[in-house]
Amino acid sequence: MPGPTTIRSAIAPAGLALWLLILTAGGAPGQGRSRPSGTGDAREPVIIEMVVTGLSCPFCAYGLEKKLRTLHGLAKLEIEAGSGKVTLEFEGAGELTEKLVRDSVRDAGFRVKEFLRAPWIDPGRGR
């Protein structure tokens, strides 16, 4: 059975690899690509920026990412583990509400400290 040192040395590279994957992947192919504005599409992207407390490591960010990816219409997701800044981009607002976003973050084990940009703060800023 491997000792604690062996386990730690195996986890550290895995954590780094996961963090790099989160930073560079940007989701599955076809996701995260926003359409140029002015294309005549009635479903303009909706952007939400928020600060989430408790995001201290890549594994925390990954747990939050898994939960947020279940939100309908999510096209792009960026999480900065150190600062806790989370940016979500949706293809359209649909049924998106502040409560839905807060509940998703809470269900992942975190808390929204503040919304920096969202349609319910100022409808013009969320677009």
C-alpha atoms as a PDB file:
ATOM      1  CA  MET A   1       0.000   0.000   0.000  1.00  0.00           C
ATOM      2  CA  PRO A   2       1.455   3.400  -0.952  1.00  0.00           C
ATOM      3  CA  GLY A   3       2.393   5.765   1.824  1.00  0.00           C
ATOM      4  CA  PRO A   4       1.186   9.382   2.240  1.00  0.00           C
ATOM      5  CA  THR A   5       4.193  10.791   0.371  1.00  0.00           C
ATOM      6  CA  THR A   6       3.495   8.606  -2.664  1.00  0.00           C
ATOM      7  CA  ILE A   7      -0.179   9.591  -2.687  1.00  0.00           C
ATOM      8  CA  ARG A   8       0.665  13.310  -2.393  1.00  0.00           C
ATOM      9  CA  SER A   9       3.204  13.098  -5.206  1.00  0.00           C
ATOM     10  CA  ALA A  10       0.578  11.427  -7.410  1.00  0.00           C
ATOM     11  CA  ILE A  11      -2.157  13.966  -6.575  1.00  0.00           C
ATOM     12  CA  ALA A  12      -0.059  17.106  -7.153  1.00  0.00           C
ATOM     13  CA  PRO A  13       0.544  16.507 -10.894  1.00  0.00           C
ATOM     14  CA  ALA A  14      -3.094  15.445 -11.329  1.00  0.00           C
ATOM     15  CA  GLY A  15      -4.254  18.696  -9.709  1.00  0.00           C
ATOM     16  CA  LEU A  16      -1.997  20.747 -11.955  1.00  0.00           C
ATOM     17  CA  ALA A  17      -3.209  18.870 -15.028  1.00  0.00           C
ATOM     18  CA  LEU A  18      -6.833  19.443 -14.013  1.00  0.00           C
ATOM     19  CA  TRP A  19      -6.207  23.152 -13.449  1.00  0.00           C
ATOM     20  CA  LEU A  20      -4.572  23.485 -16.865  1.00  0.00           C
ATOM     21  CA  LEU A  21      -7.484  21.633 -18.425  1.00  0.00           C
ATOM     22  CA  ILE A  22      -9.963  24.002 -16.789  1.00  0.00           C
ATOM     23  CA  LEU A  23      -8.034  27.060 -17.954  1.00  0.00           C
ATOM     24  CA  THR A  24      -7.420  25.951 -21.519  1.00  0.00           C
ATOM     25  CA  ALA A  25     -10.292  23.664 -22.487  1.00  0.00           C
ATOM     26  CA  GLY A  26     -13.206  26.075 -22.360  1.00  0.00           C
ATOM     27  CA  GLY A  27     -15.685  23.210 -22.628  1.00  0.00           C
ATOM     28  CA  ALA A  28     -16.543  20.660 -25.259  1.00  0.00           C
ATOM     29  CA  PRO A  29     -15.899  21.372 -28.953  1.00  0.00           C
ATOM     30  CA  GLY A  30     -18.406  23.867 -30.233  1.00  0.00           C
ATOM     31  CA  GLN A  31     -18.940  25.391 -26.798  1.00  0.00           C
ATOM     32  CA  GLY A  32     -17.565  28.719 -25.713  1.00  0.00           C
ATOM     33  CA  ARG A  33     -17.696  30.252 -29.159  1.00  0.00           C
ATOM     34  CA  SER A  34     -19.852  33.310 -29.144  1.00  0.00           C
ATOM     35  CA  ARG A  35     -21.390  34.656 -32.304  1.00  0.00           C
ATOM     36  CA  PRO A  36     -20.330  38.070 -33.502  1.00  0.00           C
ATOM     37  CA  SER A  37     -22.723  40.769 -32.398  1.00  0.00           C
ATOM     38  CA  GLY A  38     -24.973  42.250 -35.030  1.00  0.00           C
ATOM     39  CA  THR A  39     -25.618  38.923 -36.790  1.00  0.00           C
ATOM     40  CA  GLY A  40     -29.359  39.468 -36.545  1.00  0.00           C
ATOM     41  CA  ASP A  41     -29.846  36.649 -34.025  1.00  0.00           C
ATOM     42  CA  ALA A  42     -32.600  37.509 -31.552  1.00  0.00           C
ATOM     43  CA  ARG A  43     -30.854  35.422 -28.877  1.00  0.00           C
ATOM     44  CA  GLU A  44     -27.966  37.660 -27.936  1.00  0.00           C
ATOM     45  CA  PRO A  45     -25.539  36.183 -25.394  1.00  0.00           C
ATOM     46  CA  VAL A  46     -26.304  36.889 -21.738  1.00  0.00           C
ATOM     47  CA  ILE A  47     -23.224  37.342 -19.547  1.00  0.00           C
ATOM     48  CA  ILE A  48     -23.117  36.911 -15.785  1.00  0.00           C
ATOM     49  CA  GLU A  49     -20.032  37.779 -13.741  1.00  0.00           C
ATOM     50  CA  MET A  50     -19.939  36.969 -10.054  1.00  0.00           C
ATOM     51  CA  VAL A  51     -17.577  36.434  -7.148  1.00  0.00           C
ATOM     52  CA  VAL A  52     -17.915  33.077  -5.399  1.00  0.00           C
ATOM     53  CA  THR A  53     -16.453  32.418  -1.947  1.00  0.00           C
ATOM     54  CA  GLY A  54     -14.474  29.271  -1.154  1.00  0.00           C
ATOM     55  CA  LEU A  55     -12.780  28.645  -4.513  1.00  0.00           C
ATOM     56  CA  SER A  56      -9.312  27.972  -3.165  1.00  0.00           C
ATOM     57  CA  CYS A  57      -8.053  25.200  -5.457  1.00  0.00           C
ATOM     58  CA  PRO A  58      -8.540  23.596  -8.889  1.00  0.00           C
ATOM     59  CA  PHE A  59     -10.619  20.782  -7.398  1.00  0.00           C
ATOM     60  CA  CYS A  60     -13.028  23.353  -5.907  1.00  0.00           C
ATOM     61  CA  ALA A  61     -13.287  25.066  -9.284  1.00  0.00           C
ATOM     62  CA  TYR A  62     -13.920  21.739 -10.990  1.00  0.00           C
ATOM     63  CA  GLY A  63     -16.740  20.886  -8.565  1.00  0.00           C
ATOM     64  CA  LEU A  64     -18.394  24.234  -9.249  1.00  0.00           C
ATOM     65  CA  GLU A  65     -17.860  23.817 -12.988  1.00  0.00           C
ATOM     66  CA  LYS A  66     -19.629  20.445 -13.001  1.00  0.00           C
ATOM     67  CA  LYS A  67     -22.683  21.958 -11.317  1.00  0.00           C
ATOM     68  CA  LEU A  68     -22.814  25.127 -13.435  1.00  0.00           C
ATOM     69  CA  ARG A  69     -22.511  23.149 -16.692  1.00  0.00           C
ATOM     70  CA  THR A  70     -25.978  21.728 -15.950  1.00  0.00           C
ATOM     71  CA  LEU A  71     -27.563  25.177 -16.436  1.00  0.00           C
ATOM     72  CA  HIS A  72     -29.611  25.276 -19.638  1.00  0.00           C
ATOM     73  CA  GLY A  73     -28.140  27.402 -22.421  1.00  0.00           C
ATOM     74  CA  LEU A  74     -24.632  27.735 -20.954  1.00  0.00           C
ATOM     75  CA  ALA A  75     -22.212  28.362 -23.810  1.00  0.00           C
ATOM     76  CA  LYS A  76     -19.053  29.468 -21.994  1.00  0.00           C
ATOM     77  CA  LEU A  77     -17.738  29.198 -18.444  1.00  0.00           C
ATOM     78  CA  GLU A  78     -14.600  30.699 -16.918  1.00  0.00           C
ATOM     79  CA  ILE A  79     -13.571  30.187 -13.296  1.00  0.00           C
ATOM     80  CA  GLU A  80     -10.619  31.899 -11.608  1.00  0.00           C
ATOM     81  CA  ALA A  81      -9.968  29.790  -8.508  1.00  0.00           C
ATOM     82  CA  GLY A  82      -7.738  32.293  -6.701  1.00  0.00           C
ATOM     83  CA  SER A  83     -10.000  35.344  -6.997  1.00  0.00           C
ATOM     84  CA  GLY A  84     -13.288  33.434  -7.073  1.00  0.00           C
ATOM     85  CA  LYS A  85     -14.427  35.296 -10.196  1.00  0.00           C
ATOM     86  CA  VAL A  86     -16.823  33.262 -12.324  1.00  0.00           C
ATOM     87  CA  THR A  87     -18.027  34.311 -15.769  1.00  0.00           C
ATOM     88  CA  LEU A  88     -20.964  32.567 -17.426  1.00  0.00           C
ATOM     89  CA  GLU A  89     -22.150  33.184 -20.966  1.00  0.00           C
ATOM     90  CA  PHE A  90     -25.547  31.903 -22.063  1.00  0.00           C
ATOM     91  CA  GLU A  91     -26.999  31.645 -25.568  1.00  0.00           C
ATOM     92  CA  GLY A  92     -30.158  33.316 -24.286  1.00  0.00           C
ATOM     93  CA  ALA A  93     -31.678  34.239 -20.942  1.00  0.00           C
ATOM     94  CA  GLY A  94     -34.546  31.747 -21.141  1.00  0.00           C
ATOM     95  CA  GLU A  95     -35.578  30.783 -17.605  1.00  0.00           C
ATOM     96  CA  LEU A  96     -32.377  32.183 -16.100  1.00  0.00           C
ATOM     97  CA  THR A  97     -32.917  33.865 -12.719  1.00  0.00           C
ATOM     98  CA  GLU A  98     -30.747  35.075  -9.881  1.00  0.00           C
ATOM     99  CA  LYS A  99     -32.226  32.366  -7.643  1.00  0.00           C
ATOM    100  CA  LEU A 100     -31.364  29.627 -10.138  1.00  0.00           C
ATOM    101  CA  VAL A 101     -27.727  30.760 -10.348  1.00  0.00           C
ATOM    102  CA  ARG A 102     -27.398  31.194  -6.558  1.00  0.00           C
ATOM    103  CA  ASP A 103     -28.973  27.780  -5.942  1.00  0.00           C
ATOM    104  CA  SER A 104     -26.600  26.094  -8.416  1.00  0.00           C
ATOM    105  CA  VAL A 105     -23.585  27.655  -6.706  1.00  0.00           C
ATOM    106  CA  ARG A 106     -24.951  26.700  -3.263  1.00  0.00           C
ATOM    107  CA  ASP A 107     -25.641  23.117  -4.403  1.00  0.00           C
ATOM    108  CA  ALA A 108     -21.972  22.862  -5.411  1.00  0.00           C
ATOM    109  CA  GLY A 109     -21.009  23.874  -1.849  1.00  0.00           C
ATOM    110  CA  PHE A 110     -20.155  27.542  -2.397  1.00  0.00           C
ATOM    111  CA  ARG A 111     -21.771  30.965  -1.966  1.00  0.00           C
ATOM    112  CA  VAL A 112     -22.191  33.905  -4.329  1.00  0.00           C
ATOM    113  CA  LYS A 113     -20.519  36.856  -2.629  1.00  0.00           C
ATOM    114  CA  GLU A 114     -21.675  39.374  -5.241  1.00  0.00           C
ATOM    115  CA  PHE A 115     -22.839  39.703  -8.814  1.00  0.00           C
ATOM    116  CA  LEU A 116     -20.651  42.042 -10.852  1.00  0.00           C
ATOM    117  CA  ARG A 117     -22.711  41.800 -14.035  1.00  0.00           C
ATOM    118  CA  ALA A 118     -26.111  40.176 -14.566  1.00  0.00           C
ATOM    119  CA  PRO A 119     -29.381  40.921 -16.358  1.00  0.00           C
ATOM    120  CA  TRP A 120     -31.236  41.334 -13.053  1.00  0.00           C
ATOM    121  CA  ILE A 121     -28.778  44.022 -11.854  1.00  0.00           C
ATOM    122  CA  ASP A 122     -29.027  46.158 -14.981  1.00  0.00           C
ATOM    123  CA  PRO A 123     -30.704  44.583 -18.019  1.00  0.00           C
ATOM    124  CA  GLY A 124     -28.360  46.413 -20.397  1.00  0.00           C
ATOM    125  CA  ARG A 125     -25.193  45.186 -18.637  1.00  0.00           C
ATOM    126  CA  GLY A 126     -26.124  41.510 -18.888  1.00  0.00           C
ATOM    127  CA  ARG A 127     -25.969  41.662 -22.679  1.00  0.00           C
END
